[in-house]
Amino acid sequence: MRILTSVLALSLAAAFAAPALAGDTPKTQAECAKMIDMIWDDATKTCVAPKR
């Protein structure tokens, strides 16, 4: 039971920490243009990795 609780606690911590750590994605088209491996998607107004 303790193992299950530990696994649940760690997975919840990872789920909440991941978006906070991934906050460095460009929010504007100008910022996206400065990124090497990213392109601006006009349909969604977001900076995304190109499909290969």
PDB file of N, CA and C in Angstrom:
ATOM      1  N   MET A   1       0.822  -1.191   0.000  1.00  0.00           N
ATOM      2  CA  MET A   1       0.000   0.000   0.000  1.00  0.00           C
ATOM      3  C   MET A   1       0.867   1.258   0.000  1.00  0.00           C
ATOM      4  N   ARG A   2       1.975   1.222   0.708  1.00  0.00           N
ATOM      5  CA  ARG A   2       2.863   2.394   0.739  1.00  0.00           C
ATOM      6  C   ARG A   2       3.506   2.633  -0.622  1.00  0.00           C
ATOM      7  N   ILE A   3       3.806   1.560  -1.325  1.00  0.00           N
ATOM      8  CA  ILE A   3       4.405   1.704  -2.646  1.00  0.00           C
ATOM      9  C   ILE A   3       3.409   2.368  -3.588  1.00  0.00           C
ATOM     10  N   LEU A   4       2.169   1.946  -3.537  1.00  0.00           N
ATOM     11  CA  LEU A   4       1.141   2.534  -4.385  1.00  0.00           C
ATOM     12  C   LEU A   4       0.957   4.026  -4.076  1.00  0.00           C
ATOM     13  N   THR A   5       0.966   4.375  -2.820  1.00  0.00           N
ATOM     14  CA  THR A   5       0.837   5.772  -2.416  1.00  0.00           C
ATOM     15  C   THR A   5       2.037   6.585  -2.887  1.00  0.00           C
ATOM     16  N   SER A   6       3.213   6.011  -2.786  1.00  0.00           N
ATOM     17  CA  SER A   6       4.421   6.702  -3.241  1.00  0.00           C
ATOM     18  C   SER A   6       4.403   6.926  -4.747  1.00  0.00           C
ATOM     19  N   VAL A   7       3.990   5.923  -5.482  1.00  0.00           N
ATOM     20  CA  VAL A   7       3.917   6.046  -6.941  1.00  0.00           C
ATOM     21  C   VAL A   7       2.890   7.098  -7.325  1.00  0.00           C
ATOM     22  N   LEU A   8       1.756   7.112  -6.661  1.00  0.00           N
ATOM     23  CA  LEU A   8       0.728   8.101  -6.943  1.00  0.00           C
ATOM     24  C   LEU A   8       1.221   9.519  -6.634  1.00  0.00           C
ATOM     25  N   ALA A   9       1.902   9.683  -5.519  1.00  0.00           N
ATOM     26  CA  ALA A   9       2.423  10.997  -5.140  1.00  0.00           C
ATOM     27  C   ALA A   9       3.473  11.480  -6.141  1.00  0.00           C
ATOM     28  N   LEU A  10       4.354  10.608  -6.575  1.00  0.00           N
ATOM     29  CA  LEU A  10       5.379  10.987  -7.543  1.00  0.00           C
ATOM     30  C   LEU A  10       4.777  11.325  -8.908  1.00  0.00           C
ATOM     31  N   SER A  11       3.772  10.582  -9.317  1.00  0.00           N
ATOM     32  CA  SER A  11       3.161  10.865 -10.615  1.00  0.00           C
ATOM     33  C   SER A  11       2.397  12.188 -10.580  1.00  0.00           C
ATOM     34  N   LEU A  12       1.752  12.490  -9.475  1.00  0.00           N
ATOM     35  CA  LEU A  12       1.076  13.782  -9.357  1.00  0.00           C
ATOM     36  C   LEU A  12       2.077  14.931  -9.341  1.00  0.00           C
ATOM     37  N   ALA A  13       3.188  14.740  -8.660  1.00  0.00           N
ATOM     38  CA  ALA A  13       4.219  15.778  -8.625  1.00  0.00           C
ATOM     39  C   ALA A  13       4.788  16.019 -10.029  1.00  0.00           C
ATOM     40  N   ALA A  14       5.011  14.954 -10.764  1.00  0.00           N
ATOM     41  CA  ALA A  14       5.534  15.097 -12.129  1.00  0.00           C
ATOM     42  C   ALA A  14       4.512  15.768 -13.045  1.00  0.00           C
ATOM     43  N   ALA A  15       3.236  15.445 -12.864  1.00  0.00           N
ATOM     44  CA  ALA A  15       2.193  16.031 -13.701  1.00  0.00           C
ATOM     45  C   ALA A  15       2.076  17.539 -13.484  1.00  0.00           C
ATOM     46  N   PHE A  16       2.260  17.994 -12.252  1.00  0.00           N
ATOM     47  CA  PHE A  16       2.161  19.423 -11.980  1.00  0.00           C
ATOM     48  C   PHE A  16       3.466  20.160 -12.259  1.00  0.00           C
ATOM     49  N   ALA A  17       4.583  19.480 -12.203  1.00  0.00           N
ATOM     50  CA  ALA A  17       5.876  20.129 -12.429  1.00  0.00           C
ATOM     51  C   ALA A  17       6.183  20.279 -13.917  1.00  0.00           C
ATOM     52  N   ALA A  18       5.721  19.373 -14.743  1.00  0.00           N
ATOM     53  CA  ALA A  18       6.050  19.399 -16.167  1.00  0.00           C
ATOM     54  C   ALA A  18       5.624  20.694 -16.855  1.00  0.00           C
ATOM     55  N   PRO A  19       4.399  21.172 -16.689  1.00  0.00           N
ATOM     56  CA  PRO A  19       4.042  22.430 -17.361  1.00  0.00           C
ATOM     57  C   PRO A  19       4.838  23.630 -16.852  1.00  0.00           C
ATOM     58  N   ALA A  20       5.195  23.622 -15.600  1.00  0.00           N
ATOM     59  CA  ALA A  20       5.973  24.730 -15.051  1.00  0.00           C
ATOM     60  C   ALA A  20       7.372  24.761 -15.646  1.00  0.00           C
ATOM     61  N   LEU A  21       7.931  23.616 -15.896  1.00  0.00           N
ATOM     62  CA  LEU A  21       9.278  23.542 -16.460  1.00  0.00           C
ATOM     63  C   LEU A  21       9.276  23.762 -17.971  1.00  0.00           C
ATOM     64  N   ALA A  22       8.149  23.564 -18.615  1.00  0.00           N
ATOM     65  CA  ALA A  22       8.065  23.716 -20.063  1.00  0.00           C
ATOM     66  C   ALA A  22       7.597  25.103 -20.472  1.00  0.00           C
ATOM     67  N   GLY A  23       7.699  26.061 -19.604  1.00  0.00           N
ATOM     68  CA  GLY A  23       7.201  27.398 -19.876  1.00  0.00           C
ATOM     69  C   GLY A  23       8.082  28.244 -20.765  1.00  0.00           C
ATOM     70  N   ASP A  24       9.118  27.683 -21.355  1.00  0.00           N
ATOM     71  CA  ASP A  24      10.028  28.470 -22.172  1.00  0.00           C
ATOM     72  C   ASP A  24       9.683  28.458 -23.653  1.00  0.00           C
ATOM     73  N   THR A  25       8.504  27.993 -24.036  1.00  0.00           N
ATOM     74  CA  THR A  25       8.121  27.999 -25.440  1.00  0.00           C
ATOM     75  C   THR A  25       7.721  29.402 -25.860  1.00  0.00           C
ATOM     76  N   PRO A  26       8.087  29.821 -27.060  1.00  0.00           N
ATOM     77  CA  PRO A  26       7.764  31.169 -27.531  1.00  0.00           C
ATOM     78  C   PRO A  26       6.254  31.378 -27.632  1.00  0.00           C
ATOM     79  N   LYS A  27       5.801  32.576 -27.268  1.00  0.00           N
ATOM     80  CA  LYS A  27       4.375  32.895 -27.279  1.00  0.00           C
ATOM     81  C   LYS A  27       3.974  33.786 -28.452  1.00  0.00           C
ATOM     82  N   THR A  28       4.948  34.401 -29.106  1.00  0.00           N
ATOM     83  CA  THR A  28       4.634  35.288 -30.221  1.00  0.00           C
ATOM     84  C   THR A  28       5.353  34.819 -31.482  1.00  0.00           C
ATOM     85  N   GLN A  29       4.894  35.325 -32.617  1.00  0.00           N
ATOM     86  CA  GLN A  29       5.506  34.947 -33.881  1.00  0.00           C
ATOM     87  C   GLN A  29       6.947  35.451 -33.974  1.00  0.00           C
ATOM     88  N   ALA A  30       7.221  36.609 -33.406  1.00  0.00           N
ATOM     89  CA  ALA A  30       8.586  37.151 -33.425  1.00  0.00           C
ATOM     90  C   ALA A  30       9.528  36.290 -32.592  1.00  0.00           C
ATOM     91  N   GLU A  31       9.083  35.845 -31.432  1.00  0.00           N
ATOM     92  CA  GLU A  31       9.915  34.967 -30.606  1.00  0.00           C
ATOM     93  C   GLU A  31      10.130  33.627 -31.300  1.00  0.00           C
ATOM     94  N   CYS A  32       9.100  33.139 -31.976  1.00  0.00           N
ATOM     95  CA  CYS A  32       9.201  31.856 -32.673  1.00  0.00           C
ATOM     96  C   CYS A  32      10.196  31.932 -33.827  1.00  0.00           C
ATOM     97  N   ALA A  33      10.255  33.077 -34.492  1.00  0.00           N
ATOM     98  CA  ALA A  33      11.171  33.241 -35.617  1.00  0.00           C
ATOM     99  C   ALA A  33      12.630  33.132 -35.177  1.00  0.00           C
ATOM    100  N   LYS A  34      12.908  33.430 -33.927  1.00  0.00           N
ATOM    101  CA  LYS A  34      14.270  33.344 -33.401  1.00  0.00           C
ATOM    102  C   LYS A  34      14.687  31.918 -33.059  1.00  0.00           C
ATOM    103  N   MET A  35      13.710  31.023 -32.935  1.00  0.00           N
ATOM    104  CA  MET A  35      14.008  29.630 -32.586  1.00  0.00           C
ATOM    105  C   MET A  35      14.495  28.884 -33.820  1.00  0.00           C
ATOM    106  N   ILE A  36      15.460  28.002 -33.647  1.00  0.00           N
ATOM    107  CA  ILE A  36      16.060  27.294 -34.776  1.00  0.00           C
ATOM    108  C   ILE A  36      15.143  26.187 -35.309  1.00  0.00           C
ATOM    109  N   ASP A  37      14.641  25.334 -34.434  1.00  0.00           N
ATOM    110  CA  ASP A  37      13.862  24.178 -34.867  1.00  0.00           C
ATOM    111  C   ASP A  37      12.370  24.325 -34.615  1.00  0.00           C
ATOM    112  N   MET A  38      11.836  25.543 -34.729  1.00  0.00           N
ATOM    113  CA  MET A  38      10.414  25.773 -34.505  1.00  0.00           C
ATOM    114  C   MET A  38       9.848  26.612 -35.646  1.00  0.00           C
ATOM    115  N   ILE A  39       8.561  26.407 -35.937  1.00  0.00           N
ATOM    116  CA  ILE A  39       7.878  27.208 -36.950  1.00  0.00           C
ATOM    117  C   ILE A  39       6.562  27.724 -36.365  1.00  0.00           C
ATOM    118  N   TRP A  40       6.088  28.832 -36.893  1.00  0.00           N
ATOM    119  CA  TRP A  40       4.841  29.437 -36.425  1.00  0.00           C
ATOM    120  C   TRP A  40       3.673  28.816 -37.183  1.00  0.00           C
ATOM    121  N   ASP A  41       2.666  28.344 -36.456  1.00  0.00           N
ATOM    122  CA  ASP A  41       1.461  27.775 -37.039  1.00  0.00           C
ATOM    123  C   ASP A  41       0.369  28.843 -37.004  1.00  0.00           C
ATOM    124  N   ASP A  42       0.004  29.373 -38.176  1.00  0.00           N
ATOM    125  CA  ASP A  42      -1.000  30.434 -38.247  1.00  0.00           C
ATOM    126  C   ASP A  42      -2.383  29.955 -37.814  1.00  0.00           C
ATOM    127  N   ALA A  43      -2.685  28.698 -38.049  1.00  0.00           N
ATOM    128  CA  ALA A  43      -4.016  28.189 -37.712  1.00  0.00           C
ATOM    129  C   ALA A  43      -4.259  28.184 -36.200  1.00  0.00           C
ATOM    130  N   THR A  44      -3.239  27.783 -35.438  1.00  0.00           N
ATOM    131  CA  THR A  44      -3.403  27.700 -33.980  1.00  0.00           C
ATOM    132  C   THR A  44      -2.744  28.847 -33.249  1.00  0.00           C
ATOM    133  N   LYS A  45      -2.007  29.691 -33.985  1.00  0.00           N
ATOM    134  CA  LYS A  45      -1.290  30.826 -33.393  1.00  0.00           C
ATOM    135  C   LYS A  45      -0.313  30.369 -32.302  1.00  0.00           C
ATOM    136  N   THR A  46       0.413  29.289 -32.612  1.00  0.00           N
ATOM    137  CA  THR A  46       1.401  28.756 -31.675  1.00  0.00           C
ATOM    138  C   THR A  46       2.689  28.430 -32.412  1.00  0.00           C
ATOM    139  N   CYS A  47       3.752  28.279 -31.642  1.00  0.00           N
ATOM    140  CA  CYS A  47       5.051  27.898 -32.169  1.00  0.00           C
ATOM    141  C   CYS A  47       5.195  26.384 -31.989  1.00  0.00           C
ATOM    142  N   VAL A  48       5.402  25.663 -33.091  1.00  0.00           N
ATOM    143  CA  VAL A  48       5.433  24.205 -33.042  1.00  0.00           C
ATOM    144  C   VAL A  48       6.673  23.684 -33.738  1.00  0.00           C
ATOM    145  N   ALA A  49       7.009  22.447 -33.431  1.00  0.00           N
ATOM    146  CA  ALA A  49       8.115  21.775 -34.115  1.00  0.00           C
ATOM    147  C   ALA A  49       7.625  21.351 -35.499  1.00  0.00           C
ATOM    148  N   PRO A  50       8.459  21.479 -36.527  1.00  0.00           N
ATOM    149  CA  PRO A  50       8.025  21.077 -37.875  1.00  0.00           C
ATOM    150  C   PRO A  50       7.851  19.572 -37.967  1.00  0.00           C
ATOM    151  N   LYS A  51       6.896  19.159 -38.776  1.00  0.00           N
ATOM    152  CA  LYS A  51       6.662  17.725 -38.982  1.00  0.00           C
ATOM    153  C   LYS A  51       7.708  17.205 -39.950  1.00  0.00           C
ATOM    154  N   ARG A  52       8.305  16.091 -39.585  1.00  0.00           N
ATOM    155  CA  ARG A  52       9.368  15.515 -40.442  1.00  0.00           C
ATOM    156  C   ARG A  52       8.968  14.193 -40.970  1.00  0.00           C
TER     157      ARG A  52
END
